[in-house]
């Protein structure tokens, strides 16, 4: 079986996403089709801070963080089409049809596939699926809006 080629490592992903530790939930981008589809990876380790309390003795990745990882992979897809991604934010405004099929545990690798379903102006809809191996563990439809970043609140702006 051929190993997937990494298109983006963490440092490049951080050029597009505003998220940082401990909330950056994308480790790699493996596939990218401009304005259509993206595949990213989140390596789930026992070192994740949420495993301390979710759940002691039976660590399971919270579903809301699986959705967030999907949203971040989708965010890279949307940001890549923007002329000046640092001046914008991609906000997810709705989540529909979210389903959690199997628990995600430490040692799993989430492969997240996001596909553009609809786009009009600054709004759009993505369909996302998260897999561990070939097993579908979660899926959701996500609506997003691209907005201007408020420069006065940007961490890189002089105070």
Protein backbone atom coordinates (compact mmCIF):
# COMPACT_ATOMS: atom_id res chain seq x y z
CA UNK A 1 0.00 0.00 0.00
CA UNK A 2 1.36 3.41 -1.00
CA UNK A 3 1.93 5.93 1.83
CA UNK A 4 0.00 9.21 1.46
CA UNK A 5 2.09 12.24 0.56
CA UNK A 6 2.02 15.07 3.08
CA UNK A 7 1.12 18.33 1.36
CA UNK A 8 1.20 20.52 4.47
CA UNK A 9 2.92 20.10 7.81
CA UNK A 10 1.88 21.89 11.00
CA UNK A 11 3.98 25.02 10.39
CA UNK A 12 2.29 25.67 7.04
CA UNK A 13 -1.15 24.87 8.44
CA UNK A 14 -0.57 27.57 11.07
CA UNK A 15 -0.11 30.10 8.26
CA UNK A 16 -3.79 29.59 7.45
CA UNK A 17 -5.45 28.79 10.77
CA UNK A 18 -5.43 31.15 13.76
CA UNK A 19 -5.54 28.19 16.20
CA UNK A 20 -2.54 27.33 18.38
CA UNK A 21 -1.71 24.81 21.10
CA UNK A 22 -3.67 23.34 22.75
CA UNK A 23 -6.45 24.00 20.26
CA UNK A 24 -4.78 23.30 16.90
CA UNK A 25 -6.35 19.95 15.97
CA UNK A 26 -4.84 19.36 12.52
CA UNK A 27 -1.41 17.75 12.17
CA UNK A 28 -1.15 17.32 8.40
CA UNK A 29 -2.91 17.89 5.13
CA UNK A 30 -2.62 14.88 2.81
CA UNK A 31 -4.82 15.83 -0.14
CA UNK A 32 -6.08 19.10 -1.55
CA UNK A 33 -8.28 19.87 -4.56
CA UNK A 34 -8.72 23.64 -4.83
CA UNK A 35 -12.21 24.81 -3.82
CA UNK A 36 -13.49 21.21 -3.78
CA UNK A 37 -11.96 18.80 -1.26
CA UNK A 38 -9.29 18.39 1.41
CA UNK A 39 -8.04 15.52 3.56
CA UNK A 40 -6.31 16.17 6.87
CA UNK A 41 -4.99 14.15 9.78
CA UNK A 42 -5.25 14.52 13.55
CA UNK A 43 -3.04 12.18 15.57
CA UNK A 44 -4.80 11.41 18.83
CA UNK A 45 -2.39 10.83 21.73
CA UNK A 46 -2.85 10.14 25.42
CA UNK A 47 -1.04 13.47 26.03
CA UNK A 48 -4.12 15.46 24.95
CA UNK A 49 -5.17 17.57 27.97
CA UNK A 50 -8.86 16.59 27.74
CA UNK A 51 -8.16 12.90 28.37
CA UNK A 52 -7.50 13.65 32.06
CA UNK A 53 -11.21 14.13 32.60
CA UNK A 54 -12.86 12.51 29.56
CA UNK A 55 -13.05 9.85 30.90
CA UNK A 56 -10.68 8.70 33.69
CA UNK A 57 -9.79 5.08 32.96
CA UNK A 58 -11.61 5.10 29.62
CA UNK A 59 -10.17 7.95 27.52
CA UNK A 60 -12.44 8.95 24.62
CA UNK A 61 -11.97 12.02 22.41
CA UNK A 62 -14.95 14.34 22.95
CA UNK A 63 -17.28 14.50 19.95
CA UNK A 64 -17.20 18.29 20.00
CA UNK A 65 -13.41 18.16 19.45
CA UNK A 66 -13.83 15.76 16.54
CA UNK A 67 -16.22 18.32 15.03
CA UNK A 68 -13.68 21.07 15.76
CA UNK A 69 -10.92 19.08 14.03
CA UNK A 70 -13.23 18.68 11.03
CA UNK A 71 -13.97 22.42 11.08
CA UNK A 72 -10.25 23.24 11.16
CA UNK A 73 -9.50 20.99 8.18
CA UNK A 74 -12.42 22.64 6.38
CA UNK A 75 -11.01 26.02 7.40
CA UNK A 76 -7.72 25.26 5.62
CA UNK A 77 -9.72 24.43 2.48
CA UNK A 78 -11.58 27.75 2.65
CA UNK A 79 -8.54 29.84 3.66
CA UNK A 80 -6.48 28.48 0.74
CA UNK A 81 -8.79 30.19 -1.74
CA UNK A 82 -8.51 33.63 -0.11
CA UNK A 83 -6.16 36.30 -1.43
CA UNK A 84 -5.16 37.47 2.06
CA UNK A 85 -6.05 34.75 4.58
CA UNK A 86 -4.43 36.63 7.49
CA UNK A 87 -7.03 39.39 7.16
CA UNK A 88 -9.99 36.98 7.39
CA UNK A 89 -11.58 34.50 9.75
CA UNK A 90 -13.61 31.47 8.74
CA UNK A 91 -16.45 31.12 11.22
CA UNK A 92 -18.61 28.03 11.34
CA UNK A 93 -22.17 29.25 11.79
CA UNK A 94 -24.13 26.00 11.83
CA UNK A 95 -23.61 22.28 12.17
CA UNK A 96 -26.21 19.85 10.86
CA UNK A 97 -26.58 16.10 10.72
CA UNK A 98 -23.72 15.43 13.15
CA UNK A 99 -23.35 11.74 13.88
CA UNK A 100 -20.81 9.94 16.02
CA UNK A 101 -20.45 6.31 14.96
CA UNK A 102 -17.52 4.97 17.02
CA UNK A 103 -15.40 6.27 19.91
CA UNK A 104 -12.01 7.79 19.12
CA UNK A 105 -9.26 6.76 21.53
CA UNK A 106 -5.60 7.55 22.19
CA UNK A 107 -3.42 6.01 19.50
CA UNK A 108 -6.02 6.55 16.77
CA UNK A 109 -5.33 8.65 13.74
CA UNK A 110 -8.31 10.65 12.51
CA UNK A 111 -8.41 11.07 8.73
CA UNK A 112 -10.76 13.92 8.00
CA UNK A 113 -12.30 14.46 4.57
CA UNK A 114 -14.08 17.75 3.87
CA UNK A 115 -15.97 18.40 0.62
CA UNK A 116 -17.50 21.68 -0.59
CA UNK A 117 -21.23 21.20 -1.13
CA UNK A 118 -22.25 24.79 -1.79
CA UNK A 119 -20.60 28.18 -1.91
CA UNK A 120 -22.03 31.62 -2.53
CA UNK A 121 -20.14 34.81 -1.77
CA UNK A 122 -18.76 34.64 1.74
CA UNK A 123 -20.95 31.71 2.77
CA UNK A 124 -20.75 28.01 2.11
CA UNK A 125 -21.50 24.49 3.22
CA UNK A 126 -19.06 21.62 3.70
CA UNK A 127 -19.70 17.94 4.26
CA UNK A 128 -17.21 16.27 6.56
CA UNK A 129 -16.37 12.71 7.45
CA UNK A 130 -13.84 11.46 9.99
CA UNK A 131 -12.34 7.99 9.75
CA UNK A 132 -10.05 5.83 11.87
CA UNK A 133 -8.54 3.50 9.32
CA UNK A 134 -11.43 2.67 7.01
CA UNK A 135 -14.07 3.00 9.73
CA UNK A 136 -16.34 6.06 9.67
CA UNK A 137 -16.35 7.48 13.21
CA UNK A 138 -18.10 10.84 12.71
CA UNK A 139 -19.77 12.98 10.06
CA UNK A 140 -21.44 16.38 9.83
CA UNK A 141 -22.51 19.17 7.49
CA UNK A 142 -21.05 22.56 8.40
CA UNK A 143 -22.03 26.01 7.22
CA UNK A 144 -19.38 28.72 7.28
CA UNK A 145 -18.99 32.45 6.79
CA UNK A 146 -15.80 34.30 5.84
CA UNK A 147 -15.50 37.58 7.74
CA UNK A 148 -12.90 40.33 8.09
CA UNK A 149 -10.61 39.85 11.05
CA UNK A 150 -10.84 42.71 13.52
CA UNK A 151 -7.29 44.07 13.37
CA UNK A 152 -7.63 45.74 16.77
CA UNK A 153 -8.01 42.33 18.44
CA UNK A 154 -5.33 40.53 16.41
CA UNK A 155 -2.51 39.16 18.62
CA UNK A 156 0.04 40.41 16.07
CA UNK A 157 -1.22 44.01 16.20
CA UNK A 158 0.82 46.50 18.24
CA UNK A 159 -0.94 47.53 21.46
